[in-house]
Amino acid sequence: MTTMNRIDYARHAGVDRKTISRWIKAGKYIVLSGEDIDVEASDRAVALWRDSTDGRTKNAAKSEPSPRSETGDADPDSADSFVKTFMLANGASWTKEEASRVKENYLALLTKLEFQQKDGQLIELEQAEKVLFDCFRAQRDSWLNWPARVAPLMAADLDVPADRMTEVLAEHVHKHITSLGEPEFNAEED
């Protein structure tokens, strides 16, 4: 274990001495060994938790991932290498910053959806399907009843038998409704 004082570690990490003092006060990144700073542990913490796009982190020494043993297991002394190996084996190749950004975006969208639902702007899919089904059923019933209402009036205007006019109109309306089929609702369609 290598140790340094705050001034030397600040120079090593490429940051100001006051930054090191702020990190220690906040309990971030810096691992102390008595009054001195444990360089290897602090470098690992800085590399793992600090934003990798920050140019000041490039000067900090980064430890190499521990080699795998012959059995294929990660070095048990290094939790960082175990986590990295586990994440890579399971397809998680994002950096901590990318994963955190994606997580925060999804949480923000989820919160927005919850708000819209509580505000009454969103409804459940089952409820929407029921409303659409009832609406189409009402239209269908209206069309099925239409020939009985208008056929006698049309028959009087055309001077033809009312019962024959009702049969002809009902037949054509039934054909039209049958060609439309049952209403289907697909949420994925745009």
C-alpha atoms as a PDB file:
ATOM      1  CA  MET A   1       0.000   0.000   0.000  1.00  0.00           C
ATOM      2  CA  THR A   2       1.397   3.349  -1.086  1.00  0.00           C
ATOM      3  CA  THR A   3       0.436   6.462   0.842  1.00  0.00           C
ATOM      4  CA  MET A   4       0.775  10.165   0.065  1.00  0.00           C
ATOM      5  CA  ASN A   5      -0.062  13.391   1.825  1.00  0.00           C
ATOM      6  CA  ARG A   6      -2.862  15.571   0.460  1.00  0.00           C
ATOM      7  CA  ILE A   7      -0.611  17.866  -1.569  1.00  0.00           C
ATOM      8  CA  ASP A   8       1.220  14.998  -3.289  1.00  0.00           C
ATOM      9  CA  TYR A   9      -2.005  13.113  -3.991  1.00  0.00           C
ATOM     10  CA  ALA A  10      -3.614  16.251  -5.419  1.00  0.00           C
ATOM     11  CA  ARG A  11      -0.662  16.596  -7.795  1.00  0.00           C
ATOM     12  CA  HIS A  12      -0.890  12.866  -8.608  1.00  0.00           C
ATOM     13  CA  ALA A  13      -4.657  13.082  -9.310  1.00  0.00           C
ATOM     14  CA  GLY A  14      -4.333  16.325 -11.282  1.00  0.00           C
ATOM     15  CA  VAL A  15      -6.629  18.325  -9.016  1.00  0.00           C
ATOM     16  CA  ASP A  16      -6.247  21.151  -6.532  1.00  0.00           C
ATOM     17  CA  ARG A  17      -5.396  20.442  -2.880  1.00  0.00           C
ATOM     18  CA  LYS A  18      -8.686  22.074  -1.886  1.00  0.00           C
ATOM     19  CA  THR A  19     -10.533  19.568  -4.082  1.00  0.00           C
ATOM     20  CA  ILE A  20      -8.907  16.722  -2.171  1.00  0.00           C
ATOM     21  CA  SER A  21      -9.963  18.357   1.116  1.00  0.00           C
ATOM     22  CA  ARG A  22     -13.549  18.727  -0.175  1.00  0.00           C
ATOM     23  CA  TRP A  23     -13.618  15.066  -1.251  1.00  0.00           C
ATOM     24  CA  ILE A  24     -12.383  13.941   2.162  1.00  0.00           C
ATOM     25  CA  LYS A  25     -14.914  16.153   3.950  1.00  0.00           C
ATOM     26  CA  ALA A  26     -17.728  14.821   1.720  1.00  0.00           C
ATOM     27  CA  GLY A  27     -16.525  11.235   2.110  1.00  0.00           C
ATOM     28  CA  LYS A  28     -15.994  10.845  -1.641  1.00  0.00           C
ATOM     29  CA  TYR A  29     -13.290   8.967  -3.525  1.00  0.00           C
ATOM     30  CA  ILE A  30     -10.467   9.298  -0.969  1.00  0.00           C
ATOM     31  CA  VAL A  31      -9.461   6.373   1.237  1.00  0.00           C
ATOM     32  CA  LEU A  32      -7.444   7.441   4.248  1.00  0.00           C
ATOM     33  CA  SER A  33      -4.800   5.458   6.060  1.00  0.00           C
ATOM     34  CA  GLY A  34      -4.378   7.446   9.239  1.00  0.00           C
ATOM     35  CA  GLU A  35      -3.628  11.013   8.110  1.00  0.00           C
ATOM     36  CA  ASP A  36      -2.244   9.933   4.716  1.00  0.00           C
ATOM     37  CA  ILE A  37      -4.111   8.899   1.597  1.00  0.00           C
ATOM     38  CA  ASP A  38      -4.084   5.273   0.367  1.00  0.00           C
ATOM     39  CA  VAL A  39      -3.109   5.889  -3.280  1.00  0.00           C
ATOM     40  CA  GLU A  40      -4.224   2.588  -4.853  1.00  0.00           C
ATOM     41  CA  ALA A  41      -7.625   2.467  -3.123  1.00  0.00           C
ATOM     42  CA  SER A  42      -8.278   6.159  -3.802  1.00  0.00           C
ATOM     43  CA  ASP A  43      -7.301   5.779  -7.472  1.00  0.00           C
ATOM     44  CA  ARG A  44      -9.728   2.865  -7.822  1.00  0.00           C
ATOM     45  CA  ALA A  45     -12.512   4.899  -6.190  1.00  0.00           C
ATOM     46  CA  VAL A  46     -11.825   7.920  -8.406  1.00  0.00           C
ATOM     47  CA  ALA A  47     -11.760   5.750 -11.537  1.00  0.00           C
ATOM     48  CA  LEU A  48     -14.955   3.954 -10.570  1.00  0.00           C
ATOM     49  CA  TRP A  49     -17.121   6.771  -9.223  1.00  0.00           C
ATOM     50  CA  ARG A  50     -15.913   9.991 -10.808  1.00  0.00           C
ATOM     51  CA  ASP A  51     -17.200  11.133 -14.201  1.00  0.00           C
ATOM     52  CA  SER A  52     -14.903   9.616 -16.831  1.00  0.00           C
ATOM     53  CA  THR A  53     -15.435  12.565 -19.204  1.00  0.00           C
ATOM     54  CA  ASP A  54     -13.753  14.881 -16.706  1.00  0.00           C
ATOM     55  CA  GLY A  55     -10.268  15.622 -18.041  1.00  0.00           C
ATOM     56  CA  ARG A  56      -8.787  15.796 -14.553  1.00  0.00           C
ATOM     57  CA  THR A  57      -9.300  12.070 -14.008  1.00  0.00           C
ATOM     58  CA  LYS A  58      -6.923  11.032 -16.782  1.00  0.00           C
ATOM     59  CA  ASN A  59      -3.906  11.816 -14.592  1.00  0.00           C
ATOM     60  CA  ALA A  60      -5.069   9.533 -11.811  1.00  0.00           C
ATOM     61  CA  ALA A  61      -3.358   6.154 -11.897  1.00  0.00           C
ATOM     62  CA  LYS A  62      -5.788   3.409 -12.787  1.00  0.00           C
ATOM     63  CA  SER A  63      -5.309  -0.081 -11.540  1.00  0.00           C
ATOM     64  CA  GLU A  64      -5.441  -2.843 -14.122  1.00  0.00           C
ATOM     65  CA  PRO A  65      -8.229  -5.371 -13.725  1.00  0.00           C
ATOM     66  CA  SER A  66      -6.995  -8.375 -11.848  1.00  0.00           C
ATOM     67  CA  PRO A  67      -6.245 -11.414 -13.995  1.00  0.00           C
ATOM     68  CA  ARG A  68      -8.597 -14.373 -13.892  1.00  0.00           C
ATOM     69  CA  SER A  69      -7.467 -17.423 -12.086  1.00  0.00           C
ATOM     70  CA  GLU A  70      -7.228 -20.762 -13.855  1.00  0.00           C
ATOM     71  CA  THR A  71     -10.774 -21.630 -12.756  1.00  0.00           C
ATOM     72  CA  GLY A  72     -12.118 -18.536 -14.516  1.00  0.00           C
ATOM     73  CA  ASP A  73     -13.132 -16.737 -11.312  1.00  0.00           C
ATOM     74  CA  ALA A  74     -12.228 -13.119 -10.676  1.00  0.00           C
ATOM     75  CA  ASP A  75      -9.658 -12.294  -8.045  1.00  0.00           C
ATOM     76  CA  PRO A  76     -11.569 -12.455  -4.738  1.00  0.00           C
ATOM     77  CA  ASP A  77      -9.547  -9.534  -3.327  1.00  0.00           C
ATOM     78  CA  SER A  78     -10.902  -7.121  -5.932  1.00  0.00           C
ATOM     79  CA  ALA A  79     -14.626  -6.403  -5.790  1.00  0.00           C
ATOM     80  CA  ASP A  80     -14.275  -3.970  -8.689  1.00  0.00           C
ATOM     81  CA  SER A  81     -12.932  -6.636 -11.018  1.00  0.00           C
ATOM     82  CA  PHE A  82     -15.666  -9.058  -9.935  1.00  0.00           C
ATOM     83  CA  VAL A  83     -18.395  -6.508 -10.665  1.00  0.00           C
ATOM     84  CA  LYS A  84     -16.842  -5.611 -14.028  1.00  0.00           C
ATOM     85  CA  THR A  85     -16.503  -9.289 -14.998  1.00  0.00           C
ATOM     86  CA  PHE A  86     -20.075  -9.999 -13.933  1.00  0.00           C
ATOM     87  CA  MET A  87     -21.455  -7.020 -15.852  1.00  0.00           C
ATOM     88  CA  LEU A  88     -19.528  -7.852 -19.021  1.00  0.00           C
ATOM     89  CA  ALA A  89     -20.595 -11.500 -18.861  1.00  0.00           C
ATOM     90  CA  ASN A  90     -24.224 -10.434 -18.621  1.00  0.00           C
ATOM     91  CA  GLY A  91     -24.091  -7.961 -21.473  1.00  0.00           C
ATOM     92  CA  ALA A  92     -23.789  -4.740 -19.488  1.00  0.00           C
ATOM     93  CA  SER A  93     -21.053  -2.858 -21.296  1.00  0.00           C
ATOM     94  CA  TRP A  94     -22.066   0.667 -20.277  1.00  0.00           C
ATOM     95  CA  THR A  95     -19.936   2.833 -18.086  1.00  0.00           C
ATOM     96  CA  LYS A  96     -21.366   3.885 -14.746  1.00  0.00           C
ATOM     97  CA  GLU A  97     -22.170   7.328 -16.136  1.00  0.00           C
ATOM     98  CA  GLU A  98     -24.052   5.906 -19.142  1.00  0.00           C
ATOM     99  CA  ALA A  99     -26.004   3.448 -16.998  1.00  0.00           C
ATOM    100  CA  SER A 100     -26.837   6.190 -14.521  1.00  0.00           C
ATOM    101  CA  ARG A 101     -27.990   8.511 -17.323  1.00  0.00           C
ATOM    102  CA  VAL A 102     -30.238   5.822 -18.832  1.00  0.00           C
ATOM    103  CA  LYS A 103     -31.642   4.926 -15.423  1.00  0.00           C
ATOM    104  CA  GLU A 104     -32.411   8.560 -14.602  1.00  0.00           C
ATOM    105  CA  ASN A 105     -34.096   9.087 -17.995  1.00  0.00           C
ATOM    106  CA  TYR A 106     -36.322   6.036 -17.502  1.00  0.00           C
ATOM    107  CA  LEU A 107     -37.162   7.067 -13.939  1.00  0.00           C
ATOM    108  CA  ALA A 108     -38.088  10.547 -15.183  1.00  0.00           C
ATOM    109  CA  LEU A 109     -40.356   9.069 -17.863  1.00  0.00           C
ATOM    110  CA  LEU A 110     -41.932   6.711 -15.349  1.00  0.00           C
ATOM    111  CA  THR A 111     -42.595   9.608 -12.978  1.00  0.00           C
ATOM    112  CA  LYS A 112     -44.112  11.599 -15.848  1.00  0.00           C
ATOM    113  CA  LEU A 113     -46.420   8.684 -16.734  1.00  0.00           C
ATOM    114  CA  GLU A 114     -47.479   8.263 -13.106  1.00  0.00           C
ATOM    115  CA  PHE A 115     -48.260  11.982 -12.900  1.00  0.00           C
ATOM    116  CA  GLN A 116     -50.265  11.905 -16.146  1.00  0.00           C
ATOM    117  CA  GLN A 117     -52.207   8.878 -14.914  1.00  0.00           C
ATOM    118  CA  LYS A 118     -53.035  10.523 -11.581  1.00  0.00           C
ATOM    119  CA  ASP A 119     -53.939  13.751 -13.411  1.00  0.00           C
ATOM    120  CA  GLY A 120     -56.434  11.855 -15.568  1.00  0.00           C
ATOM    121  CA  GLN A 121     -54.526  12.345 -18.829  1.00  0.00           C
ATOM    122  CA  LEU A 122     -53.915   8.593 -19.215  1.00  0.00           C
ATOM    123  CA  ILE A 123     -56.267   5.648 -18.862  1.00  0.00           C
ATOM    124  CA  GLU A 124     -55.736   1.913 -18.653  1.00  0.00           C
ATOM    125  CA  LEU A 125     -55.550   0.005 -21.945  1.00  0.00           C
ATOM    126  CA  GLU A 126     -58.423  -2.309 -20.934  1.00  0.00           C
ATOM    127  CA  GLN A 127     -60.628   0.697 -20.253  1.00  0.00           C
ATOM    128  CA  ALA A 128     -59.767   2.239 -23.643  1.00  0.00           C
ATOM    129  CA  GLU A 129     -60.528  -1.053 -25.421  1.00  0.00           C
ATOM    130  CA  LYS A 130     -63.903  -1.265 -23.654  1.00  0.00           C
ATOM    131  CA  VAL A 131     -64.797   2.317 -24.639  1.00  0.00           C
ATOM    132  CA  LEU A 132     -63.838   1.716 -28.276  1.00  0.00           C
ATOM    133  CA  PHE A 133     -65.710  -1.590 -28.380  1.00  0.00           C
ATOM    134  CA  ASP A 134     -68.847   0.003 -26.910  1.00  0.00           C
ATOM    135  CA  CYS A 135     -68.599   2.891 -29.369  1.00  0.00           C
ATOM    136  CA  PHE A 136     -68.304   0.596 -32.394  1.00  0.00           C
ATOM    137  CA  ARG A 137     -71.072  -1.654 -31.053  1.00  0.00           C
ATOM    138  CA  ALA A 138     -73.375   1.397 -30.763  1.00  0.00           C
ATOM    139  CA  GLN A 139     -72.575   2.412 -34.356  1.00  0.00           C
ATOM    140  CA  ARG A 140     -73.253  -1.137 -35.581  1.00  0.00           C
ATOM    141  CA  ASP A 141     -76.583  -1.294 -33.744  1.00  0.00           C
ATOM    142  CA  SER A 142     -77.531   2.107 -35.133  1.00  0.00           C
ATOM    143  CA  TRP A 143     -76.895   0.941 -38.698  1.00  0.00           C
ATOM    144  CA  LEU A 144     -78.814  -2.320 -38.138  1.00  0.00           C
ATOM    145  CA  ASN A 145     -81.846  -0.322 -36.946  1.00  0.00           C
ATOM    146  CA  TRP A 146     -81.593   2.264 -39.737  1.00  0.00           C
ATOM    147  CA  PRO A 147     -83.439   0.301 -42.500  1.00  0.00           C
ATOM    148  CA  ALA A 148     -86.515  -0.186 -40.287  1.00  0.00           C
ATOM    149  CA  ARG A 149     -86.725   3.569 -39.669  1.00  0.00           C
ATOM    150  CA  VAL A 150     -86.078   4.942 -43.166  1.00  0.00           C
ATOM    151  CA  ALA A 151     -87.436   2.182 -45.452  1.00  0.00           C
ATOM    152  CA  PRO A 152     -91.135   3.154 -45.020  1.00  0.00           C
ATOM    153  CA  LEU A 153     -90.311   6.799 -45.753  1.00  0.00           C
ATOM    154  CA  MET A 154     -88.295   5.868 -48.850  1.00  0.00           C
ATOM    155  CA  ALA A 155     -90.985   3.435 -49.980  1.00  0.00           C
ATOM    156  CA  ALA A 156     -93.643   6.150 -49.762  1.00  0.00           C
ATOM    157  CA  ASP A 157     -91.483   8.530 -51.821  1.00  0.00           C
ATOM    158  CA  LEU A 158     -90.782   5.858 -54.449  1.00  0.00           C
ATOM    159  CA  ASP A 159     -94.281   4.364 -54.334  1.00  0.00           C
ATOM    160  CA  VAL A 160     -93.007   0.795 -53.687  1.00  0.00           C
ATOM    161  CA  PRO A 161     -94.041  -1.703 -51.001  1.00  0.00           C
ATOM    162  CA  ALA A 162     -92.519  -0.782 -47.605  1.00  0.00           C
ATOM    163  CA  ASP A 163     -91.779  -4.365 -46.554  1.00  0.00           C
ATOM    164  CA  ARG A 164     -89.759  -5.035 -49.757  1.00  0.00           C
ATOM    165  CA  MET A 165     -87.809  -1.769 -49.316  1.00  0.00           C
ATOM    166  CA  THR A 166     -87.016  -2.732 -45.698  1.00  0.00           C
ATOM    167  CA  GLU A 167     -85.723  -6.164 -46.806  1.00  0.00           C
ATOM    168  CA  VAL A 168     -83.496  -4.688 -49.542  1.00  0.00           C
ATOM    169  CA  LEU A 169     -82.020  -1.985 -47.300  1.00  0.00           C
ATOM    170  CA  ALA A 170     -81.463  -4.434 -44.409  1.00  0.00           C
ATOM    171  CA  GLU A 171     -79.693  -6.866 -46.750  1.00  0.00           C
ATOM    172  CA  HIS A 172     -77.300  -4.191 -48.048  1.00  0.00           C
ATOM    173  CA  VAL A 173     -76.602  -2.771 -44.574  1.00  0.00           C
ATOM    174  CA  HIS A 174     -75.836  -6.287 -43.256  1.00  0.00           C
ATOM    175  CA  LYS A 175     -73.409  -6.911 -46.151  1.00  0.00           C
ATOM    176  CA  HIS A 176     -71.654  -3.606 -45.467  1.00  0.00           C
ATOM    177  CA  ILE A 177     -71.335  -4.239 -41.717  1.00  0.00           C
ATOM    178  CA  THR A 178     -70.089  -7.789 -42.325  1.00  0.00           C
ATOM    179  CA  SER A 179     -67.422  -6.512 -44.710  1.00  0.00           C
ATOM    180  CA  LEU A 180     -66.161  -4.156 -41.977  1.00  0.00           C
ATOM    181  CA  GLY A 181     -65.720  -7.059 -39.539  1.00  0.00           C
ATOM    182  CA  GLU A 182     -65.262  -6.839 -35.808  1.00  0.00           C
ATOM    183  CA  PRO A 183     -63.434  -3.798 -34.484  1.00  0.00           C
ATOM    184  CA  GLU A 184     -59.833  -4.528 -33.547  1.00  0.00           C
ATOM    185  CA  PHE A 185     -57.641  -2.376 -31.394  1.00  0.00           C
ATOM    186  CA  ASN A 186     -53.855  -2.542 -31.764  1.00  0.00           C
ATOM    187  CA  ALA A 187     -51.878  -0.260 -29.448  1.00  0.00           C
ATOM    188  CA  GLU A 188     -48.655  -0.689 -31.479  1.00  0.00           C
ATOM    189  CA  GLU A 189     -50.102   0.797 -34.676  1.00  0.00           C
ATOM    190  CA  ASP A 190     -49.262   4.447 -35.317  1.00  0.00           C
END
